[in-house]
Amino acid sequence: MRNQLLKSVEYNESLDMMYLAADGQISKRRINILQVGEVSFRAYCFLRKSKRTFRIDNVLALVPVVHKESMVI
């Protein structure tokens, strides 16, 4: 999981994340990773519109956001 976070920082890509909060709630968030530590990471959360700190252990799934471009001929 940590390696995927580091890759997203390197390539500056957005991720869709399923996250388990401390109170047991599961949320889906779109994030941009800012900094990765040993047990947590900082990211801009589009759901909350602010920078947040997340625990790596509580991440259930990470999926890169694919931006499809359409070409007009």
N, C-alpha and C. Protein backbone atom coordinates (compact mmCIF):
# COMPACT_ATOMS: atom_id res chain seq x y z
N MET A 1 0.84 -1.19 0.00
CA MET A 1 0.00 0.00 0.00
C MET A 1 0.89 1.25 0.00
N ARG A 2 1.92 1.23 0.84
CA ARG A 2 2.81 2.39 0.94
C ARG A 2 3.50 2.68 -0.40
N ASN A 3 3.89 1.62 -1.12
CA ASN A 3 4.54 1.80 -2.42
C ASN A 3 3.61 2.48 -3.42
N GLN A 4 2.34 2.11 -3.39
CA GLN A 4 1.37 2.74 -4.30
C GLN A 4 1.21 4.23 -3.96
N LEU A 5 1.25 4.56 -2.67
CA LEU A 5 1.16 5.96 -2.26
C LEU A 5 2.37 6.74 -2.76
N LEU A 6 3.55 6.14 -2.62
CA LEU A 6 4.77 6.80 -3.08
C LEU A 6 4.76 7.01 -4.59
N LYS A 7 4.25 6.02 -5.33
CA LYS A 7 4.16 6.15 -6.79
C LYS A 7 3.22 7.27 -7.19
N SER A 8 2.12 7.41 -6.48
CA SER A 8 1.16 8.47 -6.83
C SER A 8 1.74 9.85 -6.57
N VAL A 9 2.64 9.97 -5.58
CA VAL A 9 3.33 11.24 -5.34
C VAL A 9 4.27 11.52 -6.52
N GLU A 10 5.01 10.49 -6.92
CA GLU A 10 5.98 10.62 -8.01
C GLU A 10 5.31 11.05 -9.31
N TYR A 11 4.16 10.45 -9.63
CA TYR A 11 3.47 10.73 -10.88
C TYR A 11 2.37 11.79 -10.75
N ASN A 12 2.20 12.33 -9.55
CA ASN A 12 1.21 13.37 -9.28
C ASN A 12 -0.18 12.96 -9.77
N GLU A 13 -0.62 11.76 -9.38
CA GLU A 13 -1.94 11.29 -9.81
C GLU A 13 -2.92 11.27 -8.65
N SER A 14 -4.18 11.47 -8.96
CA SER A 14 -5.25 11.40 -7.97
C SER A 14 -5.62 9.94 -7.75
N LEU A 15 -6.11 9.65 -6.53
CA LEU A 15 -6.53 8.30 -6.19
C LEU A 15 -7.93 8.33 -5.62
N ASP A 16 -8.69 7.27 -5.88
CA ASP A 16 -9.93 7.03 -5.17
C ASP A 16 -9.59 6.06 -4.04
N MET A 17 -10.01 6.39 -2.83
CA MET A 17 -9.63 5.61 -1.66
C MET A 17 -10.86 5.19 -0.87
N MET A 18 -10.88 3.95 -0.44
CA MET A 18 -11.85 3.48 0.55
C MET A 18 -11.11 3.48 1.87
N TYR A 19 -11.68 4.17 2.88
CA TYR A 19 -10.97 4.40 4.13
C TYR A 19 -11.84 4.04 5.32
N LEU A 20 -11.24 3.36 6.28
CA LEU A 20 -11.92 2.98 7.52
C LEU A 20 -11.51 3.97 8.60
N ALA A 21 -12.46 4.78 9.06
CA ALA A 21 -12.18 5.79 10.09
C ALA A 21 -12.07 5.13 11.46
N ALA A 22 -11.55 5.86 12.42
CA ALA A 22 -11.35 5.35 13.78
C ALA A 22 -12.66 4.91 14.42
N ASP A 23 -13.78 5.56 14.05
CA ASP A 23 -15.08 5.21 14.64
C ASP A 23 -15.78 4.06 13.91
N GLY A 24 -15.10 3.45 12.91
CA GLY A 24 -15.66 2.31 12.20
C GLY A 24 -16.39 2.66 10.92
N GLN A 25 -16.54 3.95 10.62
CA GLN A 25 -17.22 4.37 9.40
C GLN A 25 -16.31 4.16 8.20
N ILE A 26 -16.90 3.70 7.09
CA ILE A 26 -16.15 3.54 5.84
C ILE A 26 -16.56 4.66 4.90
N SER A 27 -15.56 5.32 4.30
CA SER A 27 -15.86 6.41 3.38
C SER A 27 -15.06 6.24 2.10
N LYS A 28 -15.61 6.78 1.02
CA LYS A 28 -14.90 6.80 -0.26
C LYS A 28 -14.48 8.24 -0.50
N ARG A 29 -13.19 8.42 -0.76
CA ARG A 29 -12.65 9.77 -0.95
C ARG A 29 -11.76 9.82 -2.17
N ARG A 30 -11.74 10.96 -2.83
CA ARG A 30 -10.77 11.22 -3.90
C ARG A 30 -9.69 12.09 -3.28
N ILE A 31 -8.44 11.66 -3.44
CA ILE A 31 -7.33 12.34 -2.77
C ILE A 31 -6.15 12.58 -3.71
N ASN A 32 -5.33 13.56 -3.35
CA ASN A 32 -4.02 13.78 -3.96
C ASN A 32 -3.00 13.67 -2.83
N ILE A 33 -2.07 12.75 -2.95
CA ILE A 33 -1.07 12.51 -1.91
C ILE A 33 -0.07 13.66 -1.89
N LEU A 34 0.22 14.17 -0.70
CA LEU A 34 1.18 15.25 -0.53
C LEU A 34 2.49 14.76 0.08
N GLN A 35 2.38 13.86 1.07
CA GLN A 35 3.56 13.41 1.80
C GLN A 35 3.27 12.03 2.39
N VAL A 36 4.26 11.13 2.33
CA VAL A 36 4.07 9.78 2.85
C VAL A 36 5.08 9.53 3.97
N GLY A 37 4.57 9.12 5.14
CA GLY A 37 5.42 8.77 6.28
C GLY A 37 5.46 7.26 6.46
N GLU A 38 5.95 6.81 7.60
CA GLU A 38 6.03 5.38 7.89
C GLU A 38 4.66 4.77 8.19
N VAL A 39 3.84 5.46 8.98
CA VAL A 39 2.54 4.90 9.37
C VAL A 39 1.35 5.73 8.89
N SER A 40 1.63 6.93 8.38
CA SER A 40 0.53 7.79 7.93
C SER A 40 0.96 8.58 6.70
N PHE A 41 -0.01 9.26 6.10
CA PHE A 41 0.29 10.11 4.96
C PHE A 41 -0.62 11.33 4.96
N ARG A 42 -0.14 12.41 4.36
CA ARG A 42 -0.91 13.65 4.20
C ARG A 42 -1.44 13.69 2.78
N ALA A 43 -2.66 14.13 2.64
CA ALA A 43 -3.27 14.21 1.31
C ALA A 43 -4.29 15.32 1.29
N TYR A 44 -4.52 15.86 0.09
CA TYR A 44 -5.63 16.78 -0.09
C TYR A 44 -6.86 15.93 -0.36
N CYS A 45 -7.89 16.10 0.46
CA CYS A 45 -9.14 15.34 0.34
C CYS A 45 -10.18 16.21 -0.36
N PHE A 46 -10.65 15.76 -1.53
CA PHE A 46 -11.65 16.52 -2.28
C PHE A 46 -13.01 16.48 -1.60
N LEU A 47 -13.28 15.43 -0.80
CA LEU A 47 -14.55 15.34 -0.09
C LEU A 47 -14.65 16.44 0.98
N ARG A 48 -13.59 16.61 1.76
CA ARG A 48 -13.57 17.62 2.83
C ARG A 48 -13.00 18.96 2.38
N LYS A 49 -12.42 18.98 1.16
CA LYS A 49 -11.82 20.20 0.60
C LYS A 49 -10.74 20.77 1.53
N SER A 50 -9.90 19.87 2.06
CA SER A 50 -8.82 20.30 2.94
C SER A 50 -7.73 19.24 3.00
N LYS A 51 -6.58 19.61 3.54
CA LYS A 51 -5.49 18.66 3.74
C LYS A 51 -5.80 17.83 4.97
N ARG A 52 -5.61 16.52 4.86
CA ARG A 52 -5.94 15.60 5.96
C ARG A 52 -4.79 14.62 6.15
N THR A 53 -4.74 14.04 7.34
CA THR A 53 -3.77 12.99 7.63
C THR A 53 -4.52 11.67 7.77
N PHE A 54 -4.03 10.63 7.09
CA PHE A 54 -4.67 9.31 7.10
C PHE A 54 -3.66 8.27 7.56
N ARG A 55 -4.13 7.25 8.26
CA ARG A 55 -3.28 6.13 8.65
C ARG A 55 -3.25 5.12 7.51
N ILE A 56 -2.06 4.66 7.16
CA ILE A 56 -1.91 3.70 6.07
C ILE A 56 -2.64 2.40 6.39
N ASP A 57 -2.64 1.99 7.67
CA ASP A 57 -3.31 0.74 8.09
C ASP A 57 -4.82 0.77 7.80
N ASN A 58 -5.41 1.96 7.82
CA ASN A 58 -6.86 2.08 7.68
C ASN A 58 -7.33 2.22 6.23
N VAL A 59 -6.39 2.21 5.29
CA VAL A 59 -6.77 2.28 3.88
C VAL A 59 -7.21 0.89 3.43
N LEU A 60 -8.44 0.78 2.94
CA LEU A 60 -8.98 -0.50 2.50
C LEU A 60 -8.67 -0.76 1.03
N ALA A 61 -8.68 0.31 0.20
CA ALA A 61 -8.40 0.16 -1.23
C ALA A 61 -7.96 1.49 -1.81
N LEU A 62 -7.08 1.41 -2.80
CA LEU A 62 -6.63 2.59 -3.56
C LEU A 62 -6.73 2.27 -5.04
N VAL A 63 -7.33 3.18 -5.80
CA VAL A 63 -7.45 3.01 -7.25
C VAL A 63 -7.07 4.32 -7.92
N PRO A 64 -6.13 4.28 -8.85
CA PRO A 64 -5.78 5.52 -9.58
C PRO A 64 -6.97 6.02 -10.39
N VAL A 65 -7.13 7.35 -10.42
CA VAL A 65 -8.19 7.96 -11.20
C VAL A 65 -7.71 8.07 -12.64
N VAL A 66 -8.49 7.54 -13.56
CA VAL A 66 -8.13 7.56 -14.97
C VAL A 66 -8.93 8.67 -15.64
N HIS A 67 -8.20 9.61 -16.23
CA HIS A 67 -8.85 10.70 -16.96
C HIS A 67 -8.84 10.34 -18.43
N LYS A 68 -10.01 10.06 -18.97
CA LYS A 68 -10.10 9.71 -20.40
C LYS A 68 -10.25 10.99 -21.20
N GLU A 69 -9.46 11.07 -22.24
CA GLU A 69 -9.55 12.22 -23.13
C GLU A 69 -10.26 11.82 -24.40
N SER A 70 -11.17 12.67 -24.84
CA SER A 70 -11.84 12.38 -26.10
C SER A 70 -11.28 13.33 -27.16
N MET A 71 -11.06 12.80 -28.32
CA MET A 71 -10.49 13.60 -29.38
C MET A 71 -11.57 13.92 -30.41
N VAL A 72 -11.71 15.17 -30.72
CA VAL A 72 -12.69 15.60 -31.71
C VAL A 72 -11.99 15.73 -33.05
N ILE A 73 -12.55 15.07 -34.04
CA ILE A 73 -11.93 15.09 -35.38
C ILE A 73 -12.70 16.05 -36.26
